[in-house]
């Protein structure tokens, strides 16, 4: 019952645009029991990691289109063909 009253107050404040997303989220999580608050925290961390992973994927995809990257890749292929380098063996890492 207490949580419902707090959440109703949060909804009213949010509807009036007096609370930021962070303030609203903080108020809601503060009203939750500890175990549910931890679950929300774990989910927020998951979303942050997922966002970070997406940023890396986009960065690598963009690098693959770079002329400088393609030039370096061609150099590595030549070095491997000439025996000056060998392909990376991921099993040895």
PDB file of N, CA and C in Angstrom:
ATOM      1  N   UNK A   1       0.822  -1.183   0.000  1.00  0.00           N
ATOM      2  CA  UNK A   1       0.000   0.000   0.000  1.00  0.00           C
ATOM      3  C   UNK A   1       0.869   1.251   0.000  1.00  0.00           C
ATOM      4  N   UNK A   2       1.905   1.248   0.832  1.00  0.00           N
ATOM      5  CA  UNK A   2       2.818   2.380   0.906  1.00  0.00           C
ATOM      6  C   UNK A   2       3.465   2.624  -0.456  1.00  0.00           C
ATOM      7  N   UNK A   3       3.898   1.537  -1.109  1.00  0.00           N
ATOM      8  CA  UNK A   3       4.542   1.653  -2.418  1.00  0.00           C
ATOM      9  C   UNK A   3       3.583   2.219  -3.458  1.00  0.00           C
ATOM     10  N   UNK A   4       2.343   1.822  -3.400  1.00  0.00           N
ATOM     11  CA  UNK A   4       1.357   2.336  -4.363  1.00  0.00           C
ATOM     12  C   UNK A   4       1.166   3.837  -4.208  1.00  0.00           C
ATOM     13  N   UNK A   5       1.118   4.286  -2.950  1.00  0.00           N
ATOM     14  CA  UNK A   5       0.966   5.727  -2.710  1.00  0.00           C
ATOM     15  C   UNK A   5       2.181   6.481  -3.235  1.00  0.00           C
ATOM     16  N   UNK A   6       3.380   5.940  -2.980  1.00  0.00           N
ATOM     17  CA  UNK A   6       4.594   6.604  -3.447  1.00  0.00           C
ATOM     18  C   UNK A   6       4.632   6.623  -4.969  1.00  0.00           C
ATOM     19  N   UNK A   7       4.292   5.501  -5.579  1.00  0.00           N
ATOM     20  CA  UNK A   7       4.306   5.441  -7.035  1.00  0.00           C
ATOM     21  C   UNK A   7       3.266   6.366  -7.640  1.00  0.00           C
ATOM     22  N   UNK A   8       2.119   6.495  -6.988  1.00  0.00           N
ATOM     23  CA  UNK A   8       1.102   7.432  -7.475  1.00  0.00           C
ATOM     24  C   UNK A   8       1.642   8.853  -7.422  1.00  0.00           C
ATOM     25  N   UNK A   9       2.354   9.185  -6.360  1.00  0.00           N
ATOM     26  CA  UNK A   9       2.967  10.507  -6.257  1.00  0.00           C
ATOM     27  C   UNK A   9       4.015  10.724  -7.323  1.00  0.00           C
ATOM     28  N   UNK A  10       4.781   9.693  -7.613  1.00  0.00           N
ATOM     29  CA  UNK A  10       5.803   9.784  -8.662  1.00  0.00           C
ATOM     30  C   UNK A  10       5.139   9.997 -10.012  1.00  0.00           C
ATOM     31  N   UNK A  11       4.066   9.250 -10.278  1.00  0.00           N
ATOM     32  CA  UNK A  11       3.352   9.412 -11.552  1.00  0.00           C
ATOM     33  C   UNK A  11       2.822  10.829 -11.706  1.00  0.00           C
ATOM     34  N   UNK A  12       2.242  11.375 -10.641  1.00  0.00           N
ATOM     35  CA  UNK A  12       1.717  12.738 -10.715  1.00  0.00           C
ATOM     36  C   UNK A  12       2.824  13.738 -10.983  1.00  0.00           C
ATOM     37  N   UNK A  13       3.959  13.586 -10.313  1.00  0.00           N
ATOM     38  CA  UNK A  13       5.077  14.502 -10.530  1.00  0.00           C
ATOM     39  C   UNK A  13       5.616  14.371 -11.943  1.00  0.00           C
ATOM     40  N   UNK A  14       5.691  13.144 -12.426  1.00  0.00           N
ATOM     41  CA  UNK A  14       6.209  12.904 -13.774  1.00  0.00           C
ATOM     42  C   UNK A  14       5.280  13.518 -14.811  1.00  0.00           C
ATOM     43  N   UNK A  15       3.985  13.352 -14.592  1.00  0.00           N
ATOM     44  CA  UNK A  15       3.021  13.923 -15.529  1.00  0.00           C
ATOM     45  C   UNK A  15       3.122  15.439 -15.579  1.00  0.00           C
ATOM     46  N   UNK A  16       3.543  16.032 -14.474  1.00  0.00           N
ATOM     47  CA  UNK A  16       3.705  17.484 -14.431  1.00  0.00           C
ATOM     48  C   UNK A  16       5.094  17.907 -14.892  1.00  0.00           C
ATOM     49  N   UNK A  17       5.903  16.966 -15.296  1.00  0.00           N
ATOM     50  CA  UNK A  17       7.266  17.206 -15.793  1.00  0.00           C
ATOM     51  C   UNK A  17       8.165  17.880 -14.770  1.00  0.00           C
ATOM     52  N   UNK A  18       7.918  17.658 -13.499  1.00  0.00           N
ATOM     53  CA  UNK A  18       8.781  18.244 -12.484  1.00  0.00           C
ATOM     54  C   UNK A  18       9.930  17.323 -12.104  1.00  0.00           C
ATOM     55  N   UNK A  19       9.838  16.058 -12.508  1.00  0.00           N
ATOM     56  CA  UNK A  19      10.893  15.096 -12.189  1.00  0.00           C
ATOM     57  C   UNK A  19      11.625  14.688 -13.455  1.00  0.00           C
ATOM     58  N   UNK A  20      12.937  14.538 -13.331  1.00  0.00           N
ATOM     59  CA  UNK A  20      13.716  14.000 -14.436  1.00  0.00           C
ATOM     60  C   UNK A  20      13.562  12.480 -14.439  1.00  0.00           C
ATOM     61  N   UNK A  21      14.027  11.854 -15.478  1.00  0.00           N
ATOM     62  CA  UNK A  21      13.973  10.388 -15.558  1.00  0.00           C
ATOM     63  C   UNK A  21      14.767   9.786 -14.410  1.00  0.00           C
ATOM     64  N   UNK A  22      15.914  10.362 -14.106  1.00  0.00           N
ATOM     65  CA  UNK A  22      16.744   9.844 -13.015  1.00  0.00           C
ATOM     66  C   UNK A  22      16.020   9.988 -11.680  1.00  0.00           C
ATOM     67  N   UNK A  23      15.407  11.140 -11.451  1.00  0.00           N
ATOM     68  CA  UNK A  23      14.682  11.348 -10.201  1.00  0.00           C
ATOM     69  C   UNK A  23      13.513  10.382 -10.065  1.00  0.00           C
ATOM     70  N   UNK A  24      12.771  10.194 -11.149  1.00  0.00           N
ATOM     71  CA  UNK A  24      11.636   9.280 -11.111  1.00  0.00           C
ATOM     72  C   UNK A  24      12.095   7.854 -10.856  1.00  0.00           C
ATOM     73  N   UNK A  25      13.147   7.442 -11.568  1.00  0.00           N
ATOM     74  CA  UNK A  25      13.672   6.083 -11.396  1.00  0.00           C
ATOM     75  C   UNK A  25      14.170   5.880  -9.973  1.00  0.00           C
ATOM     76  N   UNK A  26      14.868   6.863  -9.445  1.00  0.00           N
ATOM     77  CA  UNK A  26      15.380   6.778  -8.074  1.00  0.00           C
ATOM     78  C   UNK A  26      14.242   6.643  -7.075  1.00  0.00           C
ATOM     79  N   UNK A  27      13.193   7.414  -7.257  1.00  0.00           N
ATOM     80  CA  UNK A  27      12.053   7.349  -6.349  1.00  0.00           C
ATOM     81  C   UNK A  27      11.372   5.986  -6.414  1.00  0.00           C
ATOM     82  N   UNK A  28      11.215   5.465  -7.596  1.00  0.00           N
ATOM     83  CA  UNK A  28      10.570   4.159  -7.744  1.00  0.00           C
ATOM     84  C   UNK A  28      11.415   3.066  -7.111  1.00  0.00           C
ATOM     85  N   UNK A  29      12.716   3.057  -7.412  1.00  0.00           N
ATOM     86  CA  UNK A  29      13.595   2.020  -6.869  1.00  0.00           C
ATOM     87  C   UNK A  29      13.674   2.128  -5.347  1.00  0.00           C
ATOM     88  N   UNK A  30      13.683   3.338  -4.824  1.00  0.00           N
ATOM     89  CA  UNK A  30      13.730   3.526  -3.375  1.00  0.00           C
ATOM     90  C   UNK A  30      12.494   2.959  -2.695  1.00  0.00           C
ATOM     91  N   UNK A  31      11.381   2.926  -3.418  1.00  0.00           N
ATOM     92  CA  UNK A  31      10.137   2.410  -2.844  1.00  0.00           C
ATOM     93  C   UNK A  31      10.049   0.891  -2.900  1.00  0.00           C
ATOM     94  N   UNK A  32      10.911   0.270  -3.655  1.00  0.00           N
ATOM     95  CA  UNK A  32      10.853  -1.186  -3.821  1.00  0.00           C
ATOM     96  C   UNK A  32      11.524  -1.915  -2.664  1.00  0.00           C
ATOM     97  N   UNK A  33      11.108  -3.153  -2.423  1.00  0.00           N
ATOM     98  CA  UNK A  33      11.834  -3.985  -1.463  1.00  0.00           C
ATOM     99  C   UNK A  33      13.261  -4.220  -1.975  1.00  0.00           C
ATOM    100  N   UNK A  34      14.174  -4.486  -1.067  1.00  0.00           N
ATOM    101  CA  UNK A  34      15.599  -4.633  -1.402  1.00  0.00           C
ATOM    102  C   UNK A  34      15.847  -5.624  -2.541  1.00  0.00           C
ATOM    103  N   UNK A  35      15.193  -6.780  -2.514  1.00  0.00           N
ATOM    104  CA  UNK A  35      15.446  -7.790  -3.545  1.00  0.00           C
ATOM    105  C   UNK A  35      15.001  -7.307  -4.927  1.00  0.00           C
ATOM    106  N   UNK A  36      13.883  -6.612  -4.980  1.00  0.00           N
ATOM    107  CA  UNK A  36      13.410  -6.102  -6.270  1.00  0.00           C
ATOM    108  C   UNK A  36      14.291  -4.943  -6.739  1.00  0.00           C
ATOM    109  N   UNK A  37      14.762  -4.125  -5.811  1.00  0.00           N
ATOM    110  CA  UNK A  37      15.664  -3.028  -6.167  1.00  0.00           C
ATOM    111  C   UNK A  37      16.958  -3.579  -6.756  1.00  0.00           C
ATOM    112  N   UNK A  38      17.463  -4.678  -6.192  1.00  0.00           N
ATOM    113  CA  UNK A  38      18.675  -5.311  -6.729  1.00  0.00           C
ATOM    114  C   UNK A  38      18.429  -5.857  -8.140  1.00  0.00           C
ATOM    115  N   UNK A  39      17.245  -6.391  -8.357  1.00  0.00           N
ATOM    116  CA  UNK A  39      16.891  -6.893  -9.692  1.00  0.00           C
ATOM    117  C   UNK A  39      16.877  -5.752 -10.705  1.00  0.00           C
ATOM    118  N   UNK A  40      16.316  -4.616 -10.309  1.00  0.00           N
ATOM    119  CA  UNK A  40      16.302  -3.440 -11.194  1.00  0.00           C
ATOM    120  C   UNK A  40      17.737  -3.005 -11.491  1.00  0.00           C
ATOM    121  N   UNK A  41      18.585  -2.996 -10.465  1.00  0.00           N
ATOM    122  CA  UNK A  41      19.985  -2.621 -10.639  1.00  0.00           C
ATOM    123  C   UNK A  41      20.691  -3.567 -11.610  1.00  0.00           C
ATOM    124  N   UNK A  42      20.468  -4.864 -11.451  1.00  0.00           N
ATOM    125  CA  UNK A  42      21.083  -5.838 -12.356  1.00  0.00           C
ATOM    126  C   UNK A  42      20.617  -5.612 -13.793  1.00  0.00           C
ATOM    127  N   UNK A  43      19.349  -5.323 -13.962  1.00  0.00           N
ATOM    128  CA  UNK A  43      18.820  -5.081 -15.300  1.00  0.00           C
ATOM    129  C   UNK A  43      19.420  -3.799 -15.892  1.00  0.00           C
ATOM    130  N   UNK A  44      19.555  -2.763 -15.079  1.00  0.00           N
ATOM    131  CA  UNK A  44      20.156  -1.514 -15.549  1.00  0.00           C
ATOM    132  C   UNK A  44      21.602  -1.748 -15.980  1.00  0.00           C
ATOM    133  N   UNK A  45      22.333  -2.551 -15.226  1.00  0.00           N
ATOM    134  CA  UNK A  45      23.719  -2.882 -15.609  1.00  0.00           C
ATOM    135  C   UNK A  45      23.744  -3.656 -16.923  1.00  0.00           C
ATOM    136  N   UNK A  46      22.814  -4.592 -17.075  1.00  0.00           N
ATOM    137  CA  UNK A  46      22.715  -5.350 -18.329  1.00  0.00           C
ATOM    138  C   UNK A  46      22.493  -4.402 -19.507  1.00  0.00           C
ATOM    139  N   UNK A  47      21.570  -3.458 -19.352  1.00  0.00           N
ATOM    140  CA  UNK A  47      21.287  -2.502 -20.429  1.00  0.00           C
ATOM    141  C   UNK A  47      22.515  -1.655 -20.745  1.00  0.00           C
ATOM    142  N   UNK A  48      23.242  -1.238 -19.717  1.00  0.00           N
ATOM    143  CA  UNK A  48      24.449  -0.436 -19.933  1.00  0.00           C
ATOM    144  C   UNK A  48      25.506  -1.242 -20.681  1.00  0.00           C
ATOM    145  N   UNK A  49      25.686  -2.506 -20.311  1.00  0.00           N
ATOM    146  CA  UNK A  49      26.654  -3.366 -20.998  1.00  0.00           C
ATOM    147  C   UNK A  49      26.234  -3.603 -22.441  1.00  0.00           C
ATOM    148  N   UNK A  50      24.941  -3.808 -22.648  1.00  0.00           N
ATOM    149  CA  UNK A  50      24.432  -4.032 -24.000  1.00  0.00           C
ATOM    150  C   UNK A  50      24.665  -2.795 -24.873  1.00  0.00           C
ATOM    151  N   UNK A  51      24.445  -1.628 -24.305  1.00  0.00           N
ATOM    152  CA  UNK A  51      24.672  -0.372 -25.022  1.00  0.00           C
ATOM    153  C   UNK A  51      26.145  -0.211 -25.363  1.00  0.00           C
ATOM    154  N   UNK A  52      27.015  -0.550 -24.415  1.00  0.00           N
ATOM    155  CA  UNK A  52      28.456  -0.471 -24.636  1.00  0.00           C
ATOM    156  C   UNK A  52      28.884  -1.437 -25.739  1.00  0.00           C
ATOM    157  N   UNK A  53      28.353  -2.642 -25.713  1.00  0.00           N
ATOM    158  CA  UNK A  53      28.678  -3.642 -26.736  1.00  0.00           C
ATOM    159  C   UNK A  53      28.241  -3.163 -28.116  1.00  0.00           C
ATOM    160  N   UNK A  54      27.052  -2.567 -28.200  1.00  0.00           N
ATOM    161  CA  UNK A  54      26.555  -2.041 -29.467  1.00  0.00           C
ATOM    162  C   UNK A  54      27.480  -0.951 -29.995  1.00  0.00           C
ATOM    163  N   UNK A  55      27.973  -0.096 -29.105  1.00  0.00           N
ATOM    164  CA  UNK A  55      28.892   0.973 -29.511  1.00  0.00           C
ATOM    165  C   UNK A  55      30.183   0.383 -30.091  1.00  0.00           C
ATOM    166  N   UNK A  56      30.700  -0.679 -29.460  1.00  0.00           N
ATOM    167  CA  UNK A  56      31.908  -1.326 -29.979  1.00  0.00           C
ATOM    168  C   UNK A  56      31.645  -1.955 -31.344  1.00  0.00           C
ATOM    169  N   UNK A  57      30.504  -2.613 -31.482  1.00  0.00           N
ATOM    170  CA  UNK A  57      30.173  -3.235 -32.769  1.00  0.00           C
ATOM    171  C   UNK A  57      30.107  -2.186 -33.872  1.00  0.00           C
ATOM    172  N   UNK A  58      29.496  -1.047 -33.581  1.00  0.00           N
ATOM    173  CA  UNK A  58      29.413   0.029 -34.571  1.00  0.00           C
ATOM    174  C   UNK A  58      30.792   0.571 -34.898  1.00  0.00           C
ATOM    175  N   UNK A  59      31.634   0.689 -33.875  1.00  0.00           N
ATOM    176  CA  UNK A  59      32.999   1.193 -34.099  1.00  0.00           C
ATOM    177  C   UNK A  59      33.803   0.250 -34.984  1.00  0.00           C
ATOM    178  N   UNK A  60      33.712  -1.043 -34.709  1.00  0.00           N
ATOM    179  CA  UNK A  60      34.439  -2.016 -35.531  1.00  0.00           C
ATOM    180  C   UNK A  60      33.894  -2.056 -36.953  1.00  0.00           C
ATOM    181  N   UNK A  61      32.598  -1.948 -37.106  1.00  0.00           N
ATOM    182  CA  UNK A  61      32.001  -1.942 -38.442  1.00  0.00           C
ATOM    183  C   UNK A  61      32.483  -0.736 -39.237  1.00  0.00           C
ATOM    184  N   UNK A  62      32.575   0.401 -38.592  1.00  0.00           N
ATOM    185  CA  UNK A  62      33.049   1.612 -39.262  1.00  0.00           C
ATOM    186  C   UNK A  62      34.526   1.486 -39.618  1.00  0.00           C
ATOM    187  N   UNK A  63      35.309   0.860 -38.740  1.00  0.00           N
ATOM    188  CA  UNK A  63      36.743   0.696 -39.005  1.00  0.00           C
ATOM    189  C   UNK A  63      36.970  -0.171 -40.236  1.00  0.00           C
ATOM    190  N   UNK A  64      36.123  -1.166 -40.433  1.00  0.00           N
ATOM    191  CA  UNK A  64      36.261  -2.051 -41.588  1.00  0.00           C
ATOM    192  C   UNK A  64      36.066  -1.340 -42.914  1.00  0.00           C
ATOM    193  N   UNK A  65      35.421  -0.191 -42.899  1.00  0.00           N
ATOM    194  CA  UNK A  65      35.183   0.585 -44.115  1.00  0.00           C
ATOM    195  C   UNK A  65      36.253   1.642 -44.349  1.00  0.00           C
ATOM    196  N   UNK A  66      37.135   1.793 -43.389  1.00  0.00           N
ATOM    197  CA  UNK A  66      38.166   2.828 -43.459  1.00  0.00           C
ATOM    198  C   UNK A  66      39.248   2.458 -44.485  1.00  0.00           C
ATOM    199  N   UNK A  67      39.611   3.379 -45.367  1.00  0.00           N
ATOM    200  CA  UNK A  67      40.705   3.098 -46.326  1.00  0.00           C
ATOM    201  C   UNK A  67      42.019   2.773 -45.609  1.00  0.00           C
ATOM    202  N   UNK A  68      42.279   3.454 -44.505  1.00  0.00           N
ATOM    203  CA  UNK A  68      43.518   3.196 -43.754  1.00  0.00           C
ATOM    204  C   UNK A  68      43.521   1.773 -43.205  1.00  0.00           C
ATOM    205  N   UNK A  69      42.375   1.332 -42.680  1.00  0.00           N
ATOM    206  CA  UNK A  69      42.260  -0.024 -42.161  1.00  0.00           C
ATOM    207  C   UNK A  69      42.469  -1.047 -43.276  1.00  0.00           C
ATOM    208  N   UNK A  70      41.825  -0.801 -44.414  1.00  0.00           N
ATOM    209  CA  UNK A  70      41.962  -1.732 -45.552  1.00  0.00           C
ATOM    210  C   UNK A  70      43.408  -1.787 -46.042  1.00  0.00           C
ATOM    211  N   UNK A  71      44.094  -0.646 -46.037  1.00  0.00           N
ATOM    212  CA  UNK A  71      45.498  -0.611 -46.452  1.00  0.00           C
ATOM    213  C   UNK A  71      46.352  -1.440 -45.497  1.00  0.00           C
ATOM    214  N   UNK A  72      46.130  -1.268 -44.208  1.00  0.00           N
ATOM    215  CA  UNK A  72      46.894  -2.033 -43.226  1.00  0.00           C
ATOM    216  C   UNK A  72      46.598  -3.520 -43.344  1.00  0.00           C
ATOM    217  N   UNK A  73      45.358  -3.869 -43.598  1.00  0.00           N
ATOM    218  CA  UNK A  73      44.986  -5.265 -43.780  1.00  0.00           C
ATOM    219  C   UNK A  73      45.714  -5.863 -44.975  1.00  0.00           C
ATOM    220  N   UNK A  74      45.817  -5.117 -46.054  1.00  0.00           N
ATOM    221  CA  UNK A  74      46.541  -5.582 -47.241  1.00  0.00           C
ATOM    222  C   UNK A  74      48.025  -5.783 -46.922  1.00  0.00           C
ATOM    223  N   UNK A  75      48.588  -4.886 -46.115  1.00  0.00           N
ATOM    224  CA  UNK A  75      49.992  -5.026 -45.707  1.00  0.00           C
ATOM    225  C   UNK A  75      50.194  -6.304 -44.895  1.00  0.00           C
ATOM    226  N   UNK A  76      49.300  -6.573 -43.994  1.00  0.00           N
ATOM    227  CA  UNK A  76      49.399  -7.786 -43.177  1.00  0.00           C
ATOM    228  C   UNK A  76      49.278  -9.023 -44.055  1.00  0.00           C
ATOM    229  N   UNK A  77      48.352  -9.014 -44.993  1.00  0.00           N
ATOM    230  CA  UNK A  77      48.208 -10.149 -45.919  1.00  0.00           C
ATOM    231  C   UNK A  77      49.503 -10.376 -46.704  1.00  0.00           C
ATOM    232  N   UNK A  78      50.152  -9.292 -47.151  1.00  0.00           N
ATOM    233  CA  UNK A  78      51.436  -9.417 -47.878  1.00  0.00           C
ATOM    234  C   UNK A  78      52.511  -9.989 -46.967  1.00  0.00           C
ATOM    235  N   UNK A  79      52.574  -9.496 -45.730  1.00  0.00           N
ATOM    236  CA  UNK A  79      53.575  -9.998 -44.783  1.00  0.00           C
ATOM    237  C   UNK A  79      53.381 -11.487 -44.520  1.00  0.00           C
ATOM    238  N   UNK A  80      52.150 -11.918 -44.407  1.00  0.00           N
ATOM    239  CA  UNK A  80      51.871 -13.340 -44.196  1.00  0.00           C
ATOM    240  C   UNK A  80      52.296 -14.133 -45.429  1.00  0.00           C
ATOM    241  N   UNK A  81      51.958 -13.635 -46.623  1.00  0.00           N
ATOM    242  CA  UNK A  81      52.315 -14.319 -47.870  1.00  0.00           C
ATOM    243  C   UNK A  81      53.834 -14.418 -48.035  1.00  0.00           C
ATOM    244  N   UNK A  82      54.565 -13.440 -47.543  1.00  0.00           N
ATOM    245  CA  UNK A  82      56.027 -13.419 -47.673  1.00  0.00           C
ATOM    246  C   UNK A  82      56.722 -14.136 -46.513  1.00  0.00           C
ATOM    247  N   UNK A  83      55.936 -14.676 -45.593  1.00  0.00           N
ATOM    248  CA  UNK A  83      56.501 -15.409 -44.465  1.00  0.00           C
ATOM    249  C   UNK A  83      57.051 -14.510 -43.369  1.00  0.00           C
ATOM    250  N   UNK A  84      56.772 -13.233 -43.417  1.00  0.00           N
ATOM    251  CA  UNK A  84      57.266 -12.297 -42.403  1.00  0.00           C
ATOM    252  C   UNK A  84      56.351 -12.258 -41.173  1.00  0.00           C
ATOM    253  N   UNK A  85      55.181 -12.797 -41.315  1.00  0.00           N
ATOM    254  CA  UNK A  85      54.215 -12.837 -40.213  1.00  0.00           C
ATOM    255  C   UNK A  85      53.371 -14.086 -40.380  1.00  0.00           C
ATOM    256  N   UNK A  86      52.667 -14.452 -39.339  1.00  0.00           N
ATOM    257  CA  UNK A  86      51.773 -15.601 -39.443  1.00  0.00           C
ATOM    258  C   UNK A  86      50.396 -15.205 -38.914  1.00  0.00           C
ATOM    259  N   UNK A  87      49.371 -15.864 -39.404  1.00  0.00           N
ATOM    260  CA  UNK A  87      48.020 -15.556 -38.923  1.00  0.00           C
ATOM    261  C   UNK A  87      47.915 -15.835 -37.426  1.00  0.00           C
ATOM    262  N   UNK A  88      47.084 -15.102 -36.755  1.00  0.00           N
ATOM    263  CA  UNK A  88      46.901 -15.294 -35.323  1.00  0.00           C
ATOM    264  C   UNK A  88      46.219 -16.640 -35.063  1.00  0.00           C
ATOM    265  N   UNK A  89      46.793 -17.369 -34.137  1.00  0.00           N
ATOM    266  CA  UNK A  89      46.218 -18.650 -33.724  1.00  0.00           C
ATOM    267  C   UNK A  89      45.488 -18.419 -32.399  1.00  0.00           C
ATOM    268  N   UNK A  90      44.190 -18.304 -32.474  1.00  0.00           N
ATOM    269  CA  UNK A  90      43.402 -17.984 -31.288  1.00  0.00           C
ATOM    270  C   UNK A  90      43.445 -19.104 -30.243  1.00  0.00           C
ATOM    271  N   UNK A  91      43.805 -20.306 -30.652  1.00  0.00           N
ATOM    272  CA  UNK A  91      43.890 -21.413 -29.688  1.00  0.00           C
ATOM    273  C   UNK A  91      45.108 -21.266 -28.773  1.00  0.00           C
ATOM    274  N   UNK A  92      46.086 -20.484 -29.219  1.00  0.00           N
ATOM    275  CA  UNK A  92      47.299 -20.291 -28.423  1.00  0.00           C
ATOM    276  C   UNK A  92      47.173 -19.120 -27.445  1.00  0.00           C
ATOM    277  N   UNK A  93      46.104 -18.374 -27.544  1.00  0.00           N
ATOM    278  CA  UNK A  93      45.948 -17.234 -26.644  1.00  0.00           C
ATOM    279  C   UNK A  93      45.618 -17.629 -25.235  1.00  0.00           C
TER     280      UNK A  93
END
